[in-house]
Amino acid sequence: MRCIYIIFLLLKTNIILAMNRIKEVLDKKGIKQTWLAEQLGKSYNMVNSYVQNRQQPRLEVLNDIAKILDVDIIELITSNKKK
């Protein structure tokens, strides 16, 4: 829950870009979007929208995805800060 609060604060302060790394994590783990959609109880089209960054999941959904994929929620987001 602490990670969700931190991400919320980062989003609120515009440190986090509205993009995610769901596709990279799925590819790394060899998991299909259809499987993730079934686990989330969402349509394939909705999950595909998340994966293609056409739409961003709500924070609660992002947390569910992290749990399902057994990763820290931080791994599913991309920072817009310059390195």
PDB file of N, CA and C in Angstrom:
ATOM      1  N   MET A   1       0.826  -1.193   0.000  1.00  0.00           N
ATOM      2  CA  MET A   1       0.000   0.000   0.000  1.00  0.00           C
ATOM      3  C   MET A   1       0.871   1.258   0.000  1.00  0.00           C
ATOM      4  N   ARG A   2       2.019   1.163   0.632  1.00  0.00           N
ATOM      5  CA  ARG A   2       2.928   2.313   0.681  1.00  0.00           C
ATOM      6  C   ARG A   2       3.383   2.706  -0.723  1.00  0.00           C
ATOM      7  N   CYS A   3       3.669   1.701  -1.573  1.00  0.00           N
ATOM      8  CA  CYS A   3       4.101   1.985  -2.949  1.00  0.00           C
ATOM      9  C   CYS A   3       3.012   2.732  -3.707  1.00  0.00           C
ATOM     10  N   ILE A   4       1.772   2.343  -3.496  1.00  0.00           N
ATOM     11  CA  ILE A   4       0.667   3.007  -4.192  1.00  0.00           C
ATOM     12  C   ILE A   4       0.598   4.467  -3.773  1.00  0.00           C
ATOM     13  N   TYR A   5       0.767   4.747  -2.499  1.00  0.00           N
ATOM     14  CA  TYR A   5       0.734   6.123  -2.021  1.00  0.00           C
ATOM     15  C   TYR A   5       1.878   6.931  -2.632  1.00  0.00           C
ATOM     16  N   ILE A   6       3.056   6.338  -2.699  1.00  0.00           N
ATOM     17  CA  ILE A   6       4.209   7.028  -3.284  1.00  0.00           C
ATOM     18  C   ILE A   6       3.958   7.316  -4.757  1.00  0.00           C
ATOM     19  N   ILE A   7       3.431   6.335  -5.483  1.00  0.00           N
ATOM     20  CA  ILE A   7       3.138   6.537  -6.908  1.00  0.00           C
ATOM     21  C   ILE A   7       2.083   7.619  -7.077  1.00  0.00           C
ATOM     22  N   PHE A   8       1.074   7.616  -6.224  1.00  0.00           N
ATOM     23  CA  PHE A   8       0.055   8.658  -6.288  1.00  0.00           C
ATOM     24  C   PHE A   8       0.689  10.033  -6.129  1.00  0.00           C
ATOM     25  N   LEU A   9       1.593  10.165  -5.175  1.00  0.00           N
ATOM     26  CA  LEU A   9       2.275  11.447  -4.967  1.00  0.00           C
ATOM     27  C   LEU A   9       3.116  11.827  -6.177  1.00  0.00           C
ATOM     28  N   LEU A  10       3.807  10.867  -6.756  1.00  0.00           N
ATOM     29  CA  LEU A  10       4.619  11.136  -7.938  1.00  0.00           C
ATOM     30  C   LEU A  10       3.750  11.571  -9.113  1.00  0.00           C
ATOM     31  N   LEU A  11       2.626  10.886  -9.292  1.00  0.00           N
ATOM     32  CA  LEU A  11       1.705  11.267 -10.368  1.00  0.00           C
ATOM     33  C   LEU A  11       1.173  12.676 -10.144  1.00  0.00           C
ATOM     34  N   LYS A  12       0.843  12.970  -8.900  1.00  0.00           N
ATOM     35  CA  LYS A  12       0.287  14.270  -8.559  1.00  0.00           C
ATOM     36  C   LYS A  12       1.292  15.393  -8.815  1.00  0.00           C
ATOM     37  N   THR A  13       2.565  15.106  -8.636  1.00  0.00           N
ATOM     38  CA  THR A  13       3.589  16.125  -8.834  1.00  0.00           C
ATOM     39  C   THR A  13       4.196  16.073 -10.240  1.00  0.00           C
ATOM     40  N   ASN A  14       3.586  15.295 -11.120  1.00  0.00           N
ATOM     41  CA  ASN A  14       4.010  15.181 -12.522  1.00  0.00           C
ATOM     42  C   ASN A  14       5.418  14.619 -12.703  1.00  0.00           C
ATOM     43  N   ILE A  15       5.891  13.836 -11.762  1.00  0.00           N
ATOM     44  CA  ILE A  15       7.191  13.206 -11.922  1.00  0.00           C
ATOM     45  C   ILE A  15       7.057  11.954 -12.793  1.00  0.00           C
ATOM     46  N   ILE A  16       5.896  11.324 -12.750  1.00  0.00           N
ATOM     47  CA  ILE A  16       5.686  10.113 -13.529  1.00  0.00           C
ATOM     48  C   ILE A  16       4.972  10.452 -14.830  1.00  0.00           C
ATOM     49  N   LEU A  17       5.549  10.013 -15.932  1.00  0.00           N
ATOM     50  CA  LEU A  17       4.946  10.189 -17.244  1.00  0.00           C
ATOM     51  C   LEU A  17       3.816   9.190 -17.394  1.00  0.00           C
ATOM     52  N   ALA A  18       2.796   9.556 -18.126  1.00  0.00           N
ATOM     53  CA  ALA A  18       1.656   8.668 -18.333  1.00  0.00           C
ATOM     54  C   ALA A  18       2.022   7.577 -19.334  1.00  0.00           C
ATOM     55  N   MET A  19       2.917   6.698 -18.933  1.00  0.00           N
ATOM     56  CA  MET A  19       3.306   5.546 -19.739  1.00  0.00           C
ATOM     57  C   MET A  19       3.566   4.399 -18.776  1.00  0.00           C
ATOM     58  N   ASN A  20       3.478   3.205 -19.291  1.00  0.00           N
ATOM     59  CA  ASN A  20       3.756   2.053 -18.449  1.00  0.00           C
ATOM     60  C   ASN A  20       4.662   1.071 -19.172  1.00  0.00           C
ATOM     61  N   ARG A  21       5.136   0.099 -18.423  1.00  0.00           N
ATOM     62  CA  ARG A  21       6.052  -0.920 -18.937  1.00  0.00           C
ATOM     63  C   ARG A  21       5.420  -2.302 -18.908  1.00  0.00           C
ATOM     64  N   ILE A  22       4.095  -2.364 -18.980  1.00  0.00           N
ATOM     65  CA  ILE A  22       3.411  -3.656 -18.911  1.00  0.00           C
ATOM     66  C   ILE A  22       3.895  -4.580 -20.022  1.00  0.00           C
ATOM     67  N   LYS A  23       4.015  -4.061 -21.232  1.00  0.00           N
ATOM     68  CA  LYS A  23       4.455  -4.882 -22.367  1.00  0.00           C
ATOM     69  C   LYS A  23       5.825  -5.499 -22.100  1.00  0.00           C
ATOM     70  N   GLU A  24       6.770  -4.701 -21.610  1.00  0.00           N
ATOM     71  CA  GLU A  24       8.111  -5.202 -21.343  1.00  0.00           C
ATOM     72  C   GLU A  24       8.097  -6.304 -20.288  1.00  0.00           C
ATOM     73  N   VAL A  25       7.305  -6.108 -19.244  1.00  0.00           N
ATOM     74  CA  VAL A  25       7.234  -7.105 -18.179  1.00  0.00           C
ATOM     75  C   VAL A  25       6.579  -8.384 -18.688  1.00  0.00           C
ATOM     76  N   LEU A  26       5.506  -8.256 -19.470  1.00  0.00           N
ATOM     77  CA  LEU A  26       4.864  -9.441 -20.047  1.00  0.00           C
ATOM     78  C   LEU A  26       5.849 -10.203 -20.931  1.00  0.00           C
ATOM     79  N   ASP A  27       6.561  -9.486 -21.794  1.00  0.00           N
ATOM     80  CA  ASP A  27       7.534 -10.121 -22.689  1.00  0.00           C
ATOM     81  C   ASP A  27       8.631 -10.823 -21.889  1.00  0.00           C
ATOM     82  N   LYS A  28       9.146 -10.150 -20.877  1.00  0.00           N
ATOM     83  CA  LYS A  28      10.219 -10.703 -20.049  1.00  0.00           C
ATOM     84  C   LYS A  28       9.785 -11.998 -19.369  1.00  0.00           C
ATOM     85  N   LYS A  29       8.516 -12.037 -18.933  1.00  0.00           N
ATOM     86  CA  LYS A  29       8.005 -13.210 -18.227  1.00  0.00           C
ATOM     87  C   LYS A  29       7.385 -14.244 -19.166  1.00  0.00           C
ATOM     88  N   GLY A  30       7.271 -13.904 -20.454  1.00  0.00           N
ATOM     89  CA  GLY A  30       6.681 -14.836 -21.421  1.00  0.00           C
ATOM     90  C   GLY A  30       5.189 -15.031 -21.222  1.00  0.00           C
ATOM     91  N   ILE A  31       4.517 -13.986 -20.783  1.00  0.00           N
ATOM     92  CA  ILE A  31       3.080 -14.051 -20.491  1.00  0.00           C
ATOM     93  C   ILE A  31       2.303 -13.347 -21.596  1.00  0.00           C
ATOM     94  N   LYS A  32       1.189 -13.937 -21.989  1.00  0.00           N
ATOM     95  CA  LYS A  32       0.338 -13.384 -23.047  1.00  0.00           C
ATOM     96  C   LYS A  32      -0.673 -12.392 -22.470  1.00  0.00           C
ATOM     97  N   GLN A  33      -1.034 -11.431 -23.297  1.00  0.00           N
ATOM     98  CA  GLN A  33      -2.043 -10.435 -22.903  1.00  0.00           C
ATOM     99  C   GLN A  33      -3.386 -11.090 -22.607  1.00  0.00           C
ATOM    100  N   THR A  34      -3.724 -12.149 -23.342  1.00  0.00           N
ATOM    101  CA  THR A  34      -5.005 -12.825 -23.111  1.00  0.00           C
ATOM    102  C   THR A  34      -5.061 -13.415 -21.704  1.00  0.00           C
ATOM    103  N   TRP A  35      -3.937 -13.978 -21.246  1.00  0.00           N
ATOM    104  CA  TRP A  35      -3.889 -14.538 -19.897  1.00  0.00           C
ATOM    105  C   TRP A  35      -4.064 -13.439 -18.863  1.00  0.00           C
ATOM    106  N   LEU A  36      -3.363 -12.319 -19.057  1.00  0.00           N
ATOM    107  CA  LEU A  36      -3.479 -11.198 -18.127  1.00  0.00           C
ATOM    108  C   LEU A  36      -4.912 -10.676 -18.095  1.00  0.00           C
ATOM    109  N   ALA A  37      -5.535 -10.581 -19.259  1.00  0.00           N
ATOM    110  CA  ALA A  37      -6.925 -10.115 -19.326  1.00  0.00           C
ATOM    111  C   ALA A  37      -7.842 -11.025 -18.519  1.00  0.00           C
ATOM    112  N   GLU A  38      -7.651 -12.342 -18.646  1.00  0.00           N
ATOM    113  CA  GLU A  38      -8.463 -13.297 -17.881  1.00  0.00           C
ATOM    114  C   GLU A  38      -8.250 -13.126 -16.382  1.00  0.00           C
ATOM    115  N   GLN A  39      -6.993 -12.969 -15.976  1.00  0.00           N
ATOM    116  CA  GLN A  39      -6.679 -12.816 -14.552  1.00  0.00           C
ATOM    117  C   GLN A  39      -7.261 -11.533 -13.971  1.00  0.00           C
ATOM    118  N   LEU A  40      -7.284 -10.484 -14.783  1.00  0.00           N
ATOM    119  CA  LEU A  40      -7.822  -9.189 -14.335  1.00  0.00           C
ATOM    120  C   LEU A  40      -9.337  -9.123 -14.407  1.00  0.00           C
ATOM    121  N   GLY A  41      -9.937 -10.018 -15.209  1.00  0.00           N
ATOM    122  CA  GLY A  41     -11.380  -9.940 -15.436  1.00  0.00           C
ATOM    123  C   GLY A  41     -11.732  -8.793 -16.365  1.00  0.00           C
ATOM    124  N   LYS A  42     -10.805  -8.488 -17.284  1.00  0.00           N
ATOM    125  CA  LYS A  42     -11.013  -7.404 -18.250  1.00  0.00           C
ATOM    126  C   LYS A  42     -10.936  -7.986 -19.647  1.00  0.00           C
ATOM    127  N   SER A  43     -11.431  -7.224 -20.605  1.00  0.00           N
ATOM    128  CA  SER A  43     -11.389  -7.686 -21.987  1.00  0.00           C
ATOM    129  C   SER A  43      -9.961  -7.623 -22.523  1.00  0.00           C
ATOM    130  N   TYR A  44      -9.712  -8.431 -23.555  1.00  0.00           N
ATOM    131  CA  TYR A  44      -8.414  -8.390 -24.222  1.00  0.00           C
ATOM    132  C   TYR A  44      -8.159  -6.986 -24.759  1.00  0.00           C
ATOM    133  N   ASN A  45      -9.191  -6.360 -25.327  1.00  0.00           N
ATOM    134  CA  ASN A  45      -9.025  -5.018 -25.905  1.00  0.00           C
ATOM    135  C   ASN A  45      -8.592  -3.996 -24.861  1.00  0.00           C
ATOM    136  N   MET A  46      -9.139  -4.097 -23.660  1.00  0.00           N
ATOM    137  CA  MET A  46      -8.749  -3.168 -22.595  1.00  0.00           C
ATOM    138  C   MET A  46      -7.288  -3.379 -22.204  1.00  0.00           C
ATOM    139  N   VAL A  47      -6.901  -4.633 -21.999  1.00  0.00           N
ATOM    140  CA  VAL A  47      -5.518  -4.929 -21.631  1.00  0.00           C
ATOM    141  C   VAL A  47      -4.576  -4.518 -22.758  1.00  0.00           C
ATOM    142  N   ASN A  48      -4.965  -4.753 -23.990  1.00  0.00           N
ATOM    143  CA  ASN A  48      -4.146  -4.339 -25.126  1.00  0.00           C
ATOM    144  C   ASN A  48      -3.971  -2.824 -25.144  1.00  0.00           C
ATOM    145  N   SER A  49      -5.003  -2.090 -24.769  1.00  0.00           N
ATOM    146  CA  SER A  49      -4.891  -0.628 -24.682  1.00  0.00           C
ATOM    147  C   SER A  49      -3.859  -0.222 -23.634  1.00  0.00           C
ATOM    148  N   TYR A  50      -3.834  -0.942 -22.507  1.00  0.00           N
ATOM    149  CA  TYR A  50      -2.826  -0.675 -21.481  1.00  0.00           C
ATOM    150  C   TYR A  50      -1.432  -0.989 -22.022  1.00  0.00           C
ATOM    151  N   VAL A  51      -1.292  -2.165 -22.626  1.00  0.00           N
ATOM    152  CA  VAL A  51       0.005  -2.632 -23.110  1.00  0.00           C
ATOM    153  C   VAL A  51       0.563  -1.703 -24.186  1.00  0.00           C
ATOM    154  N   GLN A  52      -0.304  -1.185 -25.044  1.00  0.00           N
ATOM    155  CA  GLN A  52       0.130  -0.303 -26.123  1.00  0.00           C
ATOM    156  C   GLN A  52       0.209   1.161 -25.690  1.00  0.00           C
ATOM    157  N   ASN A  53      -0.073   1.431 -24.420  1.00  0.00           N
ATOM    158  CA  ASN A  53      -0.041   2.785 -23.862  1.00  0.00           C
ATOM    159  C   ASN A  53      -1.023   3.742 -24.544  1.00  0.00           C
ATOM    160  N   ARG A  54      -2.105   3.192 -25.064  1.00  0.00           N
ATOM    161  CA  ARG A  54      -3.169   4.053 -25.593  1.00  0.00           C
ATOM    162  C   ARG A  54      -4.053   4.543 -24.456  1.00  0.00           C
ATOM    163  N   GLN A  55      -4.100   3.753 -23.391  1.00  0.00           N
ATOM    164  CA  GLN A  55      -4.869   4.105 -22.199  1.00  0.00           C
ATOM    165  C   GLN A  55      -4.075   3.617 -20.991  1.00  0.00           C
ATOM    166  N   GLN A  56      -4.132   4.381 -19.917  1.00  0.00           N
ATOM    167  CA  GLN A  56      -3.418   3.997 -18.703  1.00  0.00           C
ATOM    168  C   GLN A  56      -4.394   3.408 -17.690  1.00  0.00           C
ATOM    169  N   PRO A  57      -3.991   2.303 -17.048  1.00  0.00           N
ATOM    170  CA  PRO A  57      -4.867   1.717 -16.030  1.00  0.00           C
ATOM    171  C   PRO A  57      -4.942   2.609 -14.801  1.00  0.00           C
ATOM    172  N   ARG A  58      -6.080   2.553 -14.136  1.00  0.00           N
ATOM    173  CA  ARG A  58      -6.200   3.245 -12.853  1.00  0.00           C
ATOM    174  C   ARG A  58      -5.152   2.660 -11.905  1.00  0.00           C
ATOM    175  N   LEU A  59      -4.811   3.387 -10.895  1.00  0.00           N
ATOM    176  CA  LEU A  59      -3.794   2.953  -9.951  1.00  0.00           C
ATOM    177  C   LEU A  59      -4.150   1.609  -9.311  1.00  0.00           C
ATOM    178  N   GLU A  60      -5.423   1.408  -9.015  1.00  0.00           N
ATOM    179  CA  GLU A  60      -5.859   0.144  -8.416  1.00  0.00           C
ATOM    180  C   GLU A  60      -5.628  -1.009  -9.385  1.00  0.00           C
ATOM    181  N   VAL A  61      -5.902  -0.783 -10.666  1.00  0.00           N
ATOM    182  CA  VAL A  61      -5.706  -1.821 -11.684  1.00  0.00           C
ATOM    183  C   VAL A  61      -4.212  -2.080 -11.863  1.00  0.00           C
ATOM    184  N   LEU A  62      -3.417  -1.031 -11.861  1.00  0.00           N
ATOM    185  CA  LEU A  62      -1.969  -1.182 -11.980  1.00  0.00           C
ATOM    186  C   LEU A  62      -1.435  -2.017 -10.816  1.00  0.00           C
ATOM    187  N   ASN A  63      -1.968  -1.789  -9.639  1.00  0.00           N
ATOM    188  CA  ASN A  63      -1.589  -2.577  -8.466  1.00  0.00           C
ATOM    189  C   ASN A  63      -1.989  -4.040  -8.657  1.00  0.00           C
ATOM    190  N   ASP A  64      -3.183  -4.288  -9.178  1.00  0.00           N
ATOM    191  CA  ASP A  64      -3.628  -5.660  -9.451  1.00  0.00           C
ATOM    192  C   ASP A  64      -2.706  -6.332 -10.467  1.00  0.00           C
ATOM    193  N   ILE A  65      -2.327  -5.598 -11.502  1.00  0.00           N
ATOM    194  CA  ILE A  65      -1.423  -6.148 -12.521  1.00  0.00           C
ATOM    195  C   ILE A  65      -0.089  -6.522 -11.884  1.00  0.00           C
ATOM    196  N   ALA A  66       0.428  -5.645 -11.036  1.00  0.00           N
ATOM    197  CA  ALA A  66       1.700  -5.929 -10.355  1.00  0.00           C
ATOM    198  C   ALA A  66       1.599  -7.201  -9.514  1.00  0.00           C
ATOM    199  N   LYS A  67       0.507  -7.364  -8.802  1.00  0.00           N
ATOM    200  CA  LYS A  67       0.322  -8.565  -7.985  1.00  0.00           C
ATOM    201  C   LYS A  67       0.244  -9.810  -8.851  1.00  0.00           C
ATOM    202  N   ILE A  68      -0.531  -9.734  -9.924  1.00  0.00           N
ATOM    203  CA  ILE A  68      -0.696 -10.880 -10.825  1.00  0.00           C
ATOM    204  C   ILE A  68       0.638 -11.269 -11.455  1.00  0.00           C
ATOM    205  N   LEU A  69       1.418 -10.265 -11.864  1.00  0.00           N
ATOM    206  CA  LEU A  69       2.704 -10.525 -12.516  1.00  0.00           C
ATOM    207  C   LEU A  69       3.836 -10.747 -11.521  1.00  0.00           C
ATOM    208  N   ASP A  70       3.528 -10.627 -10.230  1.00  0.00           N
ATOM    209  CA  ASP A  70       4.498 -10.818  -9.167  1.00  0.00           C
ATOM    210  C   ASP A  70       5.718  -9.908  -9.335  1.00  0.00           C
ATOM    211  N   VAL A  71       5.412  -8.614  -9.530  1.00  0.00           N
ATOM    212  CA  VAL A  71       6.463  -7.600  -9.622  1.00  0.00           C
ATOM    213  C   VAL A  71       6.083  -6.434  -8.721  1.00  0.00           C
ATOM    214  N   ASP A  72       7.058  -5.620  -8.399  1.00  0.00           N
ATOM    215  CA  ASP A  72       6.789  -4.401  -7.659  1.00  0.00           C
ATOM    216  C   ASP A  72       6.105  -3.420  -8.619  1.00  0.00           C
ATOM    217  N   ILE A  73       5.146  -2.702  -8.148  1.00  0.00           N
ATOM    218  CA  ILE A  73       4.389  -1.773  -8.987  1.00  0.00           C
ATOM    219  C   ILE A  73       5.313  -0.745  -9.664  1.00  0.00           C
ATOM    220  N   ILE A  74       6.409  -0.422  -9.025  1.00  0.00           N
ATOM    221  CA  ILE A  74       7.375   0.525  -9.590  1.00  0.00           C
ATOM    222  C   ILE A  74       7.920   0.014 -10.923  1.00  0.00           C
ATOM    223  N   GLU A  75       8.025  -1.305 -11.079  1.00  0.00           N
ATOM    224  CA  GLU A  75       8.529  -1.879 -12.327  1.00  0.00           C
ATOM    225  C   GLU A  75       7.589  -1.659 -13.505  1.00  0.00           C
ATOM    226  N   LEU A  76       6.350  -1.291 -13.226  1.00  0.00           N
ATOM    227  CA  LEU A  76       5.363  -1.133 -14.294  1.00  0.00           C
ATOM    228  C   LEU A  76       5.226   0.311 -14.787  1.00  0.00           C
ATOM    229  N   ILE A  77       6.005   1.207 -14.226  1.00  0.00           N
ATOM    230  CA  ILE A  77       5.877   2.602 -14.641  1.00  0.00           C
ATOM    231  C   ILE A  77       7.184   3.131 -15.203  1.00  0.00           C
ATOM    232  N   THR A  78       7.088   4.193 -15.949  1.00  0.00           N
ATOM    233  CA  THR A  78       8.239   4.830 -16.579  1.00  0.00           C
ATOM    234  C   THR A  78       8.331   6.254 -16.074  1.00  0.00           C
ATOM    235  N   SER A  79       9.500   6.662 -15.702  1.00  0.00           N
ATOM    236  CA  SER A  79       9.713   8.030 -15.247  1.00  0.00           C
ATOM    237  C   SER A  79       9.980   8.950 -16.432  1.00  0.00           C
ATOM    238  N   ASN A  80       9.521  10.179 -16.332  1.00  0.00           N
ATOM    239  CA  ASN A  80       9.810  11.166 -17.382  1.00  0.00           C
ATOM    240  C   ASN A  80      10.973  12.066 -16.990  1.00  0.00           C
ATOM    241  N   LYS A  81      11.607  11.792 -15.863  1.00  0.00           N
ATOM    242  CA  LYS A  81      12.744  12.597 -15.428  1.00  0.00           C
ATOM    243  C   LYS A  81      13.934  12.307 -16.329  1.00  0.00           C
ATOM    244  N   LYS A  82      14.643  13.356 -16.683  1.00  0.00           N
ATOM    245  CA  LYS A  82      15.854  13.221 -17.499  1.00  0.00           C
ATOM    246  C   LYS A  82      16.972  12.644 -16.641  1.00  0.00           C
ATOM    247  N   LYS A  83      17.733  11.767 -17.241  1.00  0.00           N
ATOM    248  CA  LYS A  83      18.860  11.166 -16.509  1.00  0.00           C
ATOM    249  C   LYS A  83      20.104  11.973 -16.733  1.00  0.00           C
TER     250      LYS A  83
END
